[in-house]
Structure formats: C-alpha cells, structure tokens
Amino acid sequence: AIVTRLATETGEVTDELLDRYELYARGGVG
C-alpha cells in the first residue's frame, strides 16, 4: 500500500488514480 492522495476528498476514484494503478499494473508487479 502506497498512499497516492489521488482520490477525491469524499473518497471517490478519479481518472488520475486509475491512471496511476494502470501504470503499476503495466510495470509487471505480481
């Protein structure tokens, strides 16, 4: 778990948060 601070103030998923996790997924982590 790495805090991104990319969610909204009310805890919703944002496009920028989705992009960050897609980047991690594409990077090859298990």
mmCIF file of all heavy atoms, coordinates in Angstrom:
data_MODEL
# 
_entry.id   MODEL 
# 
loop_
_atom_site.group_PDB 
_atom_site.id 
_atom_site.type_symbol 
_atom_site.label_atom_id 
_atom_site.label_alt_id 
_atom_site.label_comp_id 
_atom_site.label_asym_id 
_atom_site.label_entity_id 
_atom_site.label_seq_id 
_atom_site.pdbx_PDB_ins_code 
_atom_site.Cartn_x 
_atom_site.Cartn_y 
_atom_site.Cartn_z 
_atom_site.occupancy 
_atom_site.B_iso_or_equiv 
_atom_site.pdbx_formal_charge 
_atom_site.auth_seq_id 
_atom_site.auth_comp_id 
_atom_site.auth_asym_id 
_atom_site.auth_atom_id 
_atom_site.pdbx_PDB_model_num 
ATOM 1   N N   . ALA A 1 1  ? 0.823   -1.210 0.000   1.00 0.00 ? 1  ALA A N   1 
ATOM 2   C CA  . ALA A 1 1  ? 0.000   0.000  0.000   1.00 0.00 ? 1  ALA A CA  1 
ATOM 3   C C   . ALA A 1 1  ? 0.859   1.261  0.000   1.00 0.00 ? 1  ALA A C   1 
ATOM 4   O O   . ALA A 1 1  ? 1.670   1.470  0.898   1.00 0.00 ? 1  ALA A O   1 
ATOM 5   C CB  . ALA A 1 1  ? -0.919  -0.009 1.219   1.00 0.00 ? 1  ALA A CB  1 
ATOM 6   N N   . ILE A 1 2  ? 0.687   2.084  -1.024  1.00 0.00 ? 2  ILE A N   1 
ATOM 7   C CA  . ILE A 1 2  ? 1.338   3.388  -1.120  1.00 0.00 ? 2  ILE A CA  1 
ATOM 8   C C   . ILE A 1 2  ? 0.250   4.436  -1.283  1.00 0.00 ? 2  ILE A C   1 
ATOM 9   O O   . ILE A 1 2  ? -0.515  4.391  -2.245  1.00 0.00 ? 2  ILE A O   1 
ATOM 10  C CB  . ILE A 1 2  ? 2.284   3.480  -2.330  1.00 0.00 ? 2  ILE A CB  1 
ATOM 11  C CG1 . ILE A 1 2  ? 3.344   2.378  -2.311  1.00 0.00 ? 2  ILE A CG1 1 
ATOM 12  C CG2 . ILE A 1 2  ? 2.952   4.845  -2.387  1.00 0.00 ? 2  ILE A CG2 1 
ATOM 13  C CD1 . ILE A 1 2  ? 4.243   2.391  -3.532  1.00 0.00 ? 2  ILE A CD1 1 
ATOM 14  N N   . VAL A 1 3  ? 0.170   5.354  -0.365  1.00 0.00 ? 3  VAL A N   1 
ATOM 15  C CA  . VAL A 1 3  ? -0.831  6.408  -0.472  1.00 0.00 ? 3  VAL A CA  1 
ATOM 16  C C   . VAL A 1 3  ? -0.539  7.253  -1.709  1.00 0.00 ? 3  VAL A C   1 
ATOM 17  O O   . VAL A 1 3  ? 0.601   7.652  -1.955  1.00 0.00 ? 3  VAL A O   1 
ATOM 18  C CB  . VAL A 1 3  ? -0.824  7.295  0.788   1.00 0.00 ? 3  VAL A CB  1 
ATOM 19  C CG1 . VAL A 1 3  ? -1.798  8.458  0.638   1.00 0.00 ? 3  VAL A CG1 1 
ATOM 20  C CG2 . VAL A 1 3  ? -1.191  6.471  2.015   1.00 0.00 ? 3  VAL A CG2 1 
ATOM 21  N N   . THR A 1 4  ? -1.597  7.525  -2.499  1.00 0.00 ? 4  THR A N   1 
ATOM 22  C CA  . THR A 1 4  ? -1.437  8.364  -3.692  1.00 0.00 ? 4  THR A CA  1 
ATOM 23  C C   . THR A 1 4  ? -1.973  9.775  -3.492  1.00 0.00 ? 4  THR A C   1 
ATOM 24  O O   . THR A 1 4  ? -1.531  10.698 -4.155  1.00 0.00 ? 4  THR A O   1 
ATOM 25  C CB  . THR A 1 4  ? -2.175  7.748  -4.895  1.00 0.00 ? 4  THR A CB  1 
ATOM 26  O OG1 . THR A 1 4  ? -3.590  7.771  -4.649  1.00 0.00 ? 4  THR A OG1 1 
ATOM 27  C CG2 . THR A 1 4  ? -1.712  6.323  -5.167  1.00 0.00 ? 4  THR A CG2 1 
ATOM 28  N N   . ARG A 1 5  ? -2.969  9.945  -2.606  1.00 0.00 ? 5  ARG A N   1 
ATOM 29  C CA  . ARG A 1 5  ? -3.695  11.211 -2.444  1.00 0.00 ? 5  ARG A CA  1 
ATOM 30  C C   . ARG A 1 5  ? -4.324  11.652 -3.763  1.00 0.00 ? 5  ARG A C   1 
ATOM 31  O O   . ARG A 1 5  ? -4.450  12.841 -4.047  1.00 0.00 ? 5  ARG A O   1 
ATOM 32  C CB  . ARG A 1 5  ? -2.777  12.321 -1.908  1.00 0.00 ? 5  ARG A CB  1 
ATOM 33  C CG  . ARG A 1 5  ? -2.175  12.031 -0.543  1.00 0.00 ? 5  ARG A CG  1 
ATOM 34  C CD  . ARG A 1 5  ? -3.195  12.076 0.555   1.00 0.00 ? 5  ARG A CD  1 
ATOM 35  N NE  . ARG A 1 5  ? -2.594  11.811 1.863   1.00 0.00 ? 5  ARG A NE  1 
ATOM 36  C CZ  . ARG A 1 5  ? -3.295  11.702 2.986   1.00 0.00 ? 5  ARG A CZ  1 
ATOM 37  N NH1 . ARG A 1 5  ? -4.608  11.821 2.957   1.00 0.00 ? 5  ARG A NH1 1 
ATOM 38  N NH2 . ARG A 1 5  ? -2.682  11.470 4.126   1.00 0.00 ? 5  ARG A NH2 1 
ATOM 39  N N   . LEU A 1 6  ? -4.757  10.668 -4.560  1.00 0.00 ? 6  LEU A N   1 
ATOM 40  C CA  . LEU A 1 6  ? -5.383  10.954 -5.848  1.00 0.00 ? 6  LEU A CA  1 
ATOM 41  C C   . LEU A 1 6  ? -6.887  10.744 -5.833  1.00 0.00 ? 6  LEU A C   1 
ATOM 42  O O   . LEU A 1 6  ? -7.560  11.024 -6.831  1.00 0.00 ? 6  LEU A O   1 
ATOM 43  C CB  . LEU A 1 6  ? -4.755  10.093 -6.953  1.00 0.00 ? 6  LEU A CB  1 
ATOM 44  C CG  . LEU A 1 6  ? -3.281  10.357 -7.248  1.00 0.00 ? 6  LEU A CG  1 
ATOM 45  C CD1 . LEU A 1 6  ? -2.760  9.390  -8.304  1.00 0.00 ? 6  LEU A CD1 1 
ATOM 46  C CD2 . LEU A 1 6  ? -3.057  11.796 -7.683  1.00 0.00 ? 6  LEU A CD2 1 
ATOM 47  N N   . ALA A 1 7  ? -7.438  10.247 -4.727  1.00 0.00 ? 7  ALA A N   1 
ATOM 48  C CA  . ALA A 1 7  ? -8.886  10.148 -4.593  1.00 0.00 ? 7  ALA A CA  1 
ATOM 49  C C   . ALA A 1 7  ? -9.466  11.530 -4.319  1.00 0.00 ? 7  ALA A C   1 
ATOM 50  O O   . ALA A 1 7  ? -8.740  12.483 -4.003  1.00 0.00 ? 7  ALA A O   1 
ATOM 51  C CB  . ALA A 1 7  ? -9.241  9.187  -3.462  1.00 0.00 ? 7  ALA A CB  1 
ATOM 52  N N   . THR A 1 8  ? -10.782 11.651 -4.431  1.00 0.00 ? 8  THR A N   1 
ATOM 53  C CA  . THR A 1 8  ? -11.425 12.915 -4.070  1.00 0.00 ? 8  THR A CA  1 
ATOM 54  C C   . THR A 1 8  ? -11.469 13.056 -2.551  1.00 0.00 ? 8  THR A C   1 
ATOM 55  O O   . THR A 1 8  ? -11.202 12.103 -1.812  1.00 0.00 ? 8  THR A O   1 
ATOM 56  C CB  . THR A 1 8  ? -12.858 12.973 -4.604  1.00 0.00 ? 8  THR A CB  1 
ATOM 57  O OG1 . THR A 1 8  ? -13.665 12.012 -3.900  1.00 0.00 ? 8  THR A OG1 1 
ATOM 58  C CG2 . THR A 1 8  ? -12.906 12.667 -6.104  1.00 0.00 ? 8  THR A CG2 1 
ATOM 59  N N   . GLU A 1 9  ? -11.836 14.231 -2.077  1.00 0.00 ? 9  GLU A N   1 
ATOM 60  C CA  . GLU A 1 9  ? -11.951 14.473 -0.641  1.00 0.00 ? 9  GLU A CA  1 
ATOM 61  C C   . GLU A 1 9  ? -13.026 13.607 -0.004  1.00 0.00 ? 9  GLU A C   1 
ATOM 62  O O   . GLU A 1 9  ? -13.014 13.385 1.204   1.00 0.00 ? 9  GLU A O   1 
ATOM 63  C CB  . GLU A 1 9  ? -12.245 15.950 -0.368  1.00 0.00 ? 9  GLU A CB  1 
ATOM 64  C CG  . GLU A 1 9  ? -11.053 16.867 -0.580  1.00 0.00 ? 9  GLU A CG  1 
ATOM 65  C CD  . GLU A 1 9  ? -9.973  16.684 0.475   1.00 0.00 ? 9  GLU A CD  1 
ATOM 66  O OE1 . GLU A 1 9  ? -10.314 16.337 1.625   1.00 0.00 ? 9  GLU A OE1 1 
ATOM 67  O OE2 . GLU A 1 9  ? -8.788  16.885 0.155   1.00 0.00 ? 9  GLU A OE2 1 
ATOM 68  N N   . THR A 1 10 ? -13.946 13.113 -0.816  1.00 0.00 ? 10 THR A N   1 
ATOM 69  C CA  . THR A 1 10 ? -15.001 12.231 -0.299  1.00 0.00 ? 10 THR A CA  1 
ATOM 70  C C   . THR A 1 10 ? -14.703 10.759 -0.561  1.00 0.00 ? 10 THR A C   1 
ATOM 71  O O   . THR A 1 10 ? -15.558 9.902  -0.355  1.00 0.00 ? 10 THR A O   1 
ATOM 72  C CB  . THR A 1 10 ? -16.365 12.606 -0.908  1.00 0.00 ? 10 THR A CB  1 
ATOM 73  O OG1 . THR A 1 10 ? -16.276 12.598 -2.341  1.00 0.00 ? 10 THR A OG1 1 
ATOM 74  C CG2 . THR A 1 10 ? -16.803 13.979 -0.433  1.00 0.00 ? 10 THR A CG2 1 
ATOM 75  N N   . GLY A 1 11 ? -13.490 10.452 -1.022  1.00 0.00 ? 11 GLY A N   1 
ATOM 76  C CA  . GLY A 1 11 ? -13.061 9.063  -1.151  1.00 0.00 ? 11 GLY A CA  1 
ATOM 77  C C   . GLY A 1 11 ? -13.404 8.376  -2.448  1.00 0.00 ? 11 GLY A C   1 
ATOM 78  O O   . GLY A 1 11 ? -13.358 7.137  -2.526  1.00 0.00 ? 11 GLY A O   1 
ATOM 79  N N   . GLU A 1 12 ? -13.732 9.136  -3.478  1.00 0.00 ? 12 GLU A N   1 
ATOM 80  C CA  . GLU A 1 12 ? -14.103 8.549  -4.759  1.00 0.00 ? 12 GLU A CA  1 
ATOM 81  C C   . GLU A 1 12 ? -12.878 8.333  -5.652  1.00 0.00 ? 12 GLU A C   1 
ATOM 82  O O   . GLU A 1 12 ? -11.903 9.080  -5.584  1.00 0.00 ? 12 GLU A O   1 
ATOM 83  C CB  . GLU A 1 12 ? -15.102 9.451  -5.492  1.00 0.00 ? 12 GLU A CB  1 
ATOM 84  C CG  . GLU A 1 12 ? -16.415 9.666  -4.764  1.00 0.00 ? 12 GLU A CG  1 
ATOM 85  C CD  . GLU A 1 12 ? -17.350 8.476  -4.841  1.00 0.00 ? 12 GLU A CD  1 
ATOM 86  O OE1 . GLU A 1 12 ? -17.008 7.504  -5.562  1.00 0.00 ? 12 GLU A OE1 1 
ATOM 87  O OE2 . GLU A 1 12 ? -18.416 8.515  -4.194  1.00 0.00 ? 12 GLU A OE2 1 
ATOM 88  N N   . VAL A 1 13 ? -12.969 7.327  -6.497  1.00 0.00 ? 13 VAL A N   1 
ATOM 89  C CA  . VAL A 1 13 ? -11.942 7.063  -7.504  1.00 0.00 ? 13 VAL A CA  1 
ATOM 90  C C   . VAL A 1 13 ? -11.939 8.188  -8.542  1.00 0.00 ? 13 VAL A C   1 
ATOM 91  O O   . VAL A 1 13 ? -12.997 8.679  -8.947  1.00 0.00 ? 13 VAL A O   1 
ATOM 92  C CB  . VAL A 1 13 ? -12.209 5.703  -8.180  1.00 0.00 ? 13 VAL A CB  1 
ATOM 93  C CG1 . VAL A 1 13 ? -11.297 5.495  -9.388  1.00 0.00 ? 13 VAL A CG1 1 
ATOM 94  C CG2 . VAL A 1 13 ? -12.037 4.570  -7.182  1.00 0.00 ? 13 VAL A CG2 1 
ATOM 95  N N   . THR A 1 14 ? -10.748 8.597  -8.974  1.00 0.00 ? 14 THR A N   1 
ATOM 96  C CA  . THR A 1 14 ? -10.612 9.610  -10.020 1.00 0.00 ? 14 THR A CA  1 
ATOM 97  C C   . THR A 1 14 ? -9.876  9.023  -11.221 1.00 0.00 ? 14 THR A C   1 
ATOM 98  O O   . THR A 1 14 ? -9.250  7.962  -11.127 1.00 0.00 ? 14 THR A O   1 
ATOM 99  C CB  . THR A 1 14 ? -9.808  10.825 -9.510  1.00 0.00 ? 14 THR A CB  1 
ATOM 100 O OG1 . THR A 1 14 ? -8.470  10.377 -9.197  1.00 0.00 ? 14 THR A OG1 1 
ATOM 101 C CG2 . THR A 1 14 ? -10.452 11.438 -8.279  1.00 0.00 ? 14 THR A CG2 1 
ATOM 102 N N   . ASP A 1 15 ? -9.941  9.722  -12.338 1.00 0.00 ? 15 ASP A N   1 
ATOM 103 C CA  . ASP A 1 15 ? -9.225  9.259  -13.533 1.00 0.00 ? 15 ASP A CA  1 
ATOM 104 C C   . ASP A 1 15 ? -7.723  9.211  -13.275 1.00 0.00 ? 15 ASP A C   1 
ATOM 105 O O   . ASP A 1 15 ? -7.027  8.296  -13.748 1.00 0.00 ? 15 ASP A O   1 
ATOM 106 C CB  . ASP A 1 15 ? -9.510  10.186 -14.711 1.00 0.00 ? 15 ASP A CB  1 
ATOM 107 C CG  . ASP A 1 15 ? -10.929 10.023 -15.256 1.00 0.00 ? 15 ASP A CG  1 
ATOM 108 O OD1 . ASP A 1 15 ? -11.566 8.985  -14.960 1.00 0.00 ? 15 ASP A OD1 1 
ATOM 109 O OD2 . ASP A 1 15 ? -11.405 10.942 -15.952 1.00 0.00 ? 15 ASP A OD2 1 
ATOM 110 N N   . GLU A 1 16 ? -7.210  10.176 -12.528 1.00 0.00 ? 16 GLU A N   1 
ATOM 111 C CA  . GLU A 1 16 ? -5.775  10.204 -12.252 1.00 0.00 ? 16 GLU A CA  1 
ATOM 112 C C   . GLU A 1 16 ? -5.366  9.017  -11.386 1.00 0.00 ? 16 GLU A C   1 
ATOM 113 O O   . GLU A 1 16 ? -4.298  8.428  -11.576 1.00 0.00 ? 16 GLU A O   1 
ATOM 114 C CB  . GLU A 1 16 ? -5.393  11.519 -11.562 1.00 0.00 ? 16 GLU A CB  1 
ATOM 115 C CG  . GLU A 1 16 ? -3.904  11.795 -11.564 1.00 0.00 ? 16 GLU A CG  1 
ATOM 116 C CD  . GLU A 1 16 ? -3.555  13.190 -11.096 1.00 0.00 ? 16 GLU A CD  1 
ATOM 117 O OE1 . GLU A 1 16 ? -4.446  13.912 -10.612 1.00 0.00 ? 16 GLU A OE1 1 
ATOM 118 O OE2 . GLU A 1 16 ? -2.370  13.560 -11.207 1.00 0.00 ? 16 GLU A OE2 1 
ATOM 119 N N   . LEU A 1 17 ? -6.227  8.635  -10.468 1.00 0.00 ? 17 LEU A N   1 
ATOM 120 C CA  . LEU A 1 17 ? -5.949  7.453  -9.643  1.00 0.00 ? 17 LEU A CA  1 
ATOM 121 C C   . LEU A 1 17 ? -5.962  6.188  -10.504 1.00 0.00 ? 17 LEU A C   1 
ATOM 122 O O   . LEU A 1 17 ? -5.092  5.315  -10.357 1.00 0.00 ? 17 LEU A O   1 
ATOM 123 C CB  . LEU A 1 17 ? -6.963  7.351  -8.511  1.00 0.00 ? 17 LEU A CB  1 
ATOM 124 C CG  . LEU A 1 17 ? -6.729  6.217  -7.503  1.00 0.00 ? 17 LEU A CG  1 
ATOM 125 C CD1 . LEU A 1 17 ? -7.075  6.675  -6.084  1.00 0.00 ? 17 LEU A CD1 1 
ATOM 126 C CD2 . LEU A 1 17 ? -7.551  4.983  -7.836  1.00 0.00 ? 17 LEU A CD2 1 
ATOM 127 N N   . LEU A 1 18 ? -6.931  6.087  -11.412 1.00 0.00 ? 18 LEU A N   1 
ATOM 128 C CA  . LEU A 1 18 ? -6.969  4.937  -12.319 1.00 0.00 ? 18 LEU A CA  1 
ATOM 129 C C   . LEU A 1 18 ? -5.699  4.864  -13.159 1.00 0.00 ? 18 LEU A C   1 
ATOM 130 O O   . LEU A 1 18 ? -5.136  3.777  -13.360 1.00 0.00 ? 18 LEU A O   1 
ATOM 131 C CB  . LEU A 1 18 ? -8.193  5.025  -13.226 1.00 0.00 ? 18 LEU A CB  1 
ATOM 132 C CG  . LEU A 1 18 ? -9.565  4.893  -12.572 1.00 0.00 ? 18 LEU A CG  1 
ATOM 133 C CD1 . LEU A 1 18 ? -10.664 5.113  -13.609 1.00 0.00 ? 18 LEU A CD1 1 
ATOM 134 C CD2 . LEU A 1 18 ? -9.726  3.518  -11.927 1.00 0.00 ? 18 LEU A CD2 1 
ATOM 135 N N   . ASP A 1 19 ? -5.255  6.012  -13.657 1.00 0.00 ? 19 ASP A N   1 
ATOM 136 C CA  . ASP A 1 19 ? -4.026  6.030  -14.461 1.00 0.00 ? 19 ASP A CA  1 
ATOM 137 C C   . ASP A 1 19 ? -2.824  5.549  -13.645 1.00 0.00 ? 19 ASP A C   1 
ATOM 138 O O   . ASP A 1 19 ? -1.961  4.828  -14.165 1.00 0.00 ? 19 ASP A O   1 
ATOM 139 C CB  . ASP A 1 19 ? -3.761  7.447  -14.972 1.00 0.00 ? 19 ASP A CB  1 
ATOM 140 C CG  . ASP A 1 19 ? -4.772  7.898  -16.012 1.00 0.00 ? 19 ASP A CG  1 
ATOM 141 O OD1 . ASP A 1 19 ? -5.480  7.048  -16.578 1.00 0.00 ? 19 ASP A OD1 1 
ATOM 142 O OD2 . ASP A 1 19 ? -4.853  9.129  -16.240 1.00 0.00 ? 19 ASP A OD2 1 
ATOM 143 N N   . ARG A 1 20 ? -2.753  5.954  -12.382 1.00 0.00 ? 20 ARG A N   1 
ATOM 144 C CA  . ARG A 1 20 ? -1.621  5.557  -11.543 1.00 0.00 ? 20 ARG A CA  1 
ATOM 145 C C   . ARG A 1 20 ? -1.593  4.030  -11.361 1.00 0.00 ? 20 ARG A C   1 
ATOM 146 O O   . ARG A 1 20 ? -0.541  3.393  -11.501 1.00 0.00 ? 20 ARG A O   1 
ATOM 147 C CB  . ARG A 1 20 ? -1.705  6.249  -10.189 1.00 0.00 ? 20 ARG A CB  1 
ATOM 148 C CG  . ARG A 1 20 ? -0.608  5.842  -9.190  1.00 0.00 ? 20 ARG A CG  1 
ATOM 149 C CD  . ARG A 1 20 ? 0.776   6.347  -9.572  1.00 0.00 ? 20 ARG A CD  1 
ATOM 150 N NE  . ARG A 1 20 ? 0.823   7.802  -9.607  1.00 0.00 ? 20 ARG A NE  1 
ATOM 151 C CZ  . ARG A 1 20 ? 1.065   8.570  -8.534  1.00 0.00 ? 20 ARG A CZ  1 
ATOM 152 N NH1 . ARG A 1 20 ? 1.281   8.020  -7.351  1.00 0.00 ? 20 ARG A NH1 1 
ATOM 153 N NH2 . ARG A 1 20 ? 1.108   9.883  -8.660  1.00 0.00 ? 20 ARG A NH2 1 
ATOM 154 N N   . TYR A 1 21 ? -2.732  3.439  -11.058 1.00 0.00 ? 21 TYR A N   1 
ATOM 155 C CA  . TYR A 1 21 ? -2.748  1.993  -10.837 1.00 0.00 ? 21 TYR A CA  1 
ATOM 156 C C   . TYR A 1 21 ? -2.571  1.216  -12.141 1.00 0.00 ? 21 TYR A C   1 
ATOM 157 O O   . TYR A 1 21 ? -1.995  0.120  -12.131 1.00 0.00 ? 21 TYR A O   1 
ATOM 158 C CB  . TYR A 1 21 ? -4.014  1.577  -10.087 1.00 0.00 ? 21 TYR A CB  1 
ATOM 159 C CG  . TYR A 1 21 ? -3.902  1.859  -8.601  1.00 0.00 ? 21 TYR A CG  1 
ATOM 160 C CD1 . TYR A 1 21 ? -4.454  3.006  -8.042  1.00 0.00 ? 21 TYR A CD1 1 
ATOM 161 C CD2 . TYR A 1 21 ? -3.195  1.003  -7.768  1.00 0.00 ? 21 TYR A CD2 1 
ATOM 162 C CE1 . TYR A 1 21 ? -4.320  3.282  -6.689  1.00 0.00 ? 21 TYR A CE1 1 
ATOM 163 C CE2 . TYR A 1 21 ? -3.056  1.263  -6.418  1.00 0.00 ? 21 TYR A CE2 1 
ATOM 164 C CZ  . TYR A 1 21 ? -3.617  2.412  -5.883  1.00 0.00 ? 21 TYR A CZ  1 
ATOM 165 O OH  . TYR A 1 21 ? -3.468  2.679  -4.550  1.00 0.00 ? 21 TYR A OH  1 
ATOM 166 N N   . GLU A 1 22 ? -3.022  1.772  -13.250 1.00 0.00 ? 22 GLU A N   1 
ATOM 167 C CA  . GLU A 1 22 ? -2.738  1.129  -14.532 1.00 0.00 ? 22 GLU A CA  1 
ATOM 168 C C   . GLU A 1 22 ? -1.234  1.121  -14.781 1.00 0.00 ? 22 GLU A C   1 
ATOM 169 O O   . GLU A 1 22 ? -0.679  0.126  -15.274 1.00 0.00 ? 22 GLU A O   1 
ATOM 170 C CB  . GLU A 1 22 ? -3.450  1.845  -15.675 1.00 0.00 ? 22 GLU A CB  1 
ATOM 171 C CG  . GLU A 1 22 ? -3.102  1.220  -17.028 1.00 0.00 ? 22 GLU A CG  1 
ATOM 172 C CD  . GLU A 1 22 ? -3.807  1.866  -18.203 1.00 0.00 ? 22 GLU A CD  1 
ATOM 173 O OE1 . GLU A 1 22 ? -4.842  2.521  -18.003 1.00 0.00 ? 22 GLU A OE1 1 
ATOM 174 O OE2 . GLU A 1 22 ? -3.305  1.682  -19.341 1.00 0.00 ? 22 GLU A OE2 1 
ATOM 175 N N   . LEU A 1 23 ? -0.574  2.204  -14.445 1.00 0.00 ? 23 LEU A N   1 
ATOM 176 C CA  . LEU A 1 23 ? 0.875   2.278  -14.608 1.00 0.00 ? 23 LEU A CA  1 
ATOM 177 C C   . LEU A 1 23 ? 1.567   1.191  -13.793 1.00 0.00 ? 23 LEU A C   1 
ATOM 178 O O   . LEU A 1 23 ? 2.462   0.493  -14.285 1.00 0.00 ? 23 LEU A O   1 
ATOM 179 C CB  . LEU A 1 23 ? 1.355   3.665  -14.172 1.00 0.00 ? 23 LEU A CB  1 
ATOM 180 C CG  . LEU A 1 23 ? 2.826   4.009  -14.378 1.00 0.00 ? 23 LEU A CG  1 
ATOM 181 C CD1 . LEU A 1 23 ? 3.182   4.006  -15.857 1.00 0.00 ? 23 LEU A CD1 1 
ATOM 182 C CD2 . LEU A 1 23 ? 3.130   5.363  -13.758 1.00 0.00 ? 23 LEU A CD2 1 
ATOM 183 N N   . TYR A 1 24 ? 1.140   1.028  -12.537 1.00 0.00 ? 24 TYR A N   1 
ATOM 184 C CA  . TYR A 1 24 ? 1.716   -0.027 -11.710 1.00 0.00 ? 24 TYR A CA  1 
ATOM 185 C C   . TYR A 1 24 ? 1.468   -1.400 -12.335 1.00 0.00 ? 24 TYR A C   1 
ATOM 186 O O   . TYR A 1 24 ? 2.358   -2.256 -12.356 1.00 0.00 ? 24 TYR A O   1 
ATOM 187 C CB  . TYR A 1 24 ? 1.097   0.004  -10.311 1.00 0.00 ? 24 TYR A CB  1 
ATOM 188 C CG  . TYR A 1 24 ? 1.465   1.193  -9.458  1.00 0.00 ? 24 TYR A CG  1 
ATOM 189 C CD1 . TYR A 1 24 ? 0.537   1.734  -8.566  1.00 0.00 ? 24 TYR A CD1 1 
ATOM 190 C CD2 . TYR A 1 24 ? 2.723   1.778  -9.523  1.00 0.00 ? 24 TYR A CD2 1 
ATOM 191 C CE1 . TYR A 1 24 ? 0.863   2.816  -7.756  1.00 0.00 ? 24 TYR A CE1 1 
ATOM 192 C CE2 . TYR A 1 24 ? 3.054   2.855  -8.719  1.00 0.00 ? 24 TYR A CE2 1 
ATOM 193 C CZ  . TYR A 1 24 ? 2.121   3.377  -7.835  1.00 0.00 ? 24 TYR A CZ  1 
ATOM 194 O OH  . TYR A 1 24 ? 2.448   4.444  -7.041  1.00 0.00 ? 24 TYR A OH  1 
ATOM 195 N N   . ALA A 1 25 ? 0.253   -1.626 -12.831 1.00 0.00 ? 25 ALA A N   1 
ATOM 196 C CA  . ALA A 1 25 ? -0.083  -2.933 -13.407 1.00 0.00 ? 25 ALA A CA  1 
ATOM 197 C C   . ALA A 1 25 ? 0.758   -3.224 -14.642 1.00 0.00 ? 25 ALA A C   1 
ATOM 198 O O   . ALA A 1 25 ? 1.259   -4.339 -14.828 1.00 0.00 ? 25 ALA A O   1 
ATOM 199 C CB  . ALA A 1 25 ? -1.572  -2.988 -13.746 1.00 0.00 ? 25 ALA A CB  1 
ATOM 200 N N   . ARG A 1 26 ? 0.915   -2.227 -15.503 1.00 0.00 ? 26 ARG A N   1 
ATOM 201 C CA  . ARG A 1 26 ? 1.711   -2.413 -16.715 1.00 0.00 ? 26 ARG A CA  1 
ATOM 202 C C   . ARG A 1 26 ? 3.185   -2.647 -16.392 1.00 0.00 ? 26 ARG A C   1 
ATOM 203 O O   . ARG A 1 26 ? 3.920   -3.217 -17.202 1.00 0.00 ? 26 ARG A O   1 
ATOM 204 C CB  . ARG A 1 26 ? 1.575   -1.190 -17.627 1.00 0.00 ? 26 ARG A CB  1 
ATOM 205 C CG  . ARG A 1 26 ? 0.217   -1.061 -18.298 1.00 0.00 ? 26 ARG A CG  1 
ATOM 206 C CD  . ARG A 1 26 ? 0.209   0.098  -19.287 1.00 0.00 ? 26 ARG A CD  1 
ATOM 207 N NE  . ARG A 1 26 ? -1.071  0.271  -19.937 1.00 0.00 ? 26 ARG A NE  1 
ATOM 208 C CZ  . ARG A 1 26 ? -1.466  -0.416 -21.021 1.00 0.00 ? 26 ARG A CZ  1 
ATOM 209 N NH1 . ARG A 1 26 ? -0.656  -1.322 -21.545 1.00 0.00 ? 26 ARG A NH1 1 
ATOM 210 N NH2 . ARG A 1 26 ? -2.644  -0.188 -21.562 1.00 0.00 ? 26 ARG A NH2 1 
ATOM 211 N N   . GLY A 1 27 ? 3.616   -2.236 -15.232 1.00 0.00 ? 27 GLY A N   1 
ATOM 212 C CA  . GLY A 1 27 ? 5.026   -2.359 -14.871 1.00 0.00 ? 27 GLY A CA  1 
ATOM 213 C C   . GLY A 1 27 ? 5.486   -3.760 -14.554 1.00 0.00 ? 27 GLY A C   1 
ATOM 214 O O   . GLY A 1 27 ? 6.700   -3.996 -14.448 1.00 0.00 ? 27 GLY A O   1 
ATOM 215 N N   . GLY A 1 28 ? 4.549   -4.694 -14.362 1.00 0.00 ? 28 GLY A N   1 
ATOM 216 C CA  . GLY A 1 28 ? 4.937   -6.087 -14.208 1.00 0.00 ? 28 GLY A CA  1 
ATOM 217 C C   . GLY A 1 28 ? 4.916   -6.633 -12.798 1.00 0.00 ? 28 GLY A C   1 
ATOM 218 O O   . GLY A 1 28 ? 5.371   -7.769 -12.557 1.00 0.00 ? 28 GLY A O   1 
ATOM 219 N N   . VAL A 1 29 ? 4.386   -5.909 -11.844 1.00 0.00 ? 29 VAL A N   1 
ATOM 220 C CA  . VAL A 1 29 ? 4.323   -6.397 -10.467 1.00 0.00 ? 29 VAL A CA  1 
ATOM 221 C C   . VAL A 1 29 ? 3.344   -7.572 -10.374 1.00 0.00 ? 29 VAL A C   1 
ATOM 222 O O   . VAL A 1 29 ? 2.368   -7.648 -11.126 1.00 0.00 ? 29 VAL A O   1 
ATOM 223 C CB  . VAL A 1 29 ? 3.918   -5.246 -9.514  1.00 0.00 ? 29 VAL A CB  1 
ATOM 224 C CG1 . VAL A 1 29 ? 2.459   -4.833 -9.709  1.00 0.00 ? 29 VAL A CG1 1 
ATOM 225 C CG2 . VAL A 1 29 ? 4.184   -5.599 -8.072  1.00 0.00 ? 29 VAL A CG2 1 
ATOM 226 N N   . GLY A 1 30 ? 3.610   -8.495 -9.445  1.00 0.00 ? 30 GLY A N   1 
ATOM 227 C CA  . GLY A 1 30 ? 2.750   -9.666 -9.312  1.00 0.00 ? 30 GLY A CA  1 
ATOM 228 C C   . GLY A 1 30 ? 1.428   -9.376 -8.641  1.00 0.00 ? 30 GLY A C   1 
ATOM 229 O O   . GLY A 1 30 ? 0.372   -9.862 -9.058  1.00 0.00 ? 30 GLY A O   1 
# 
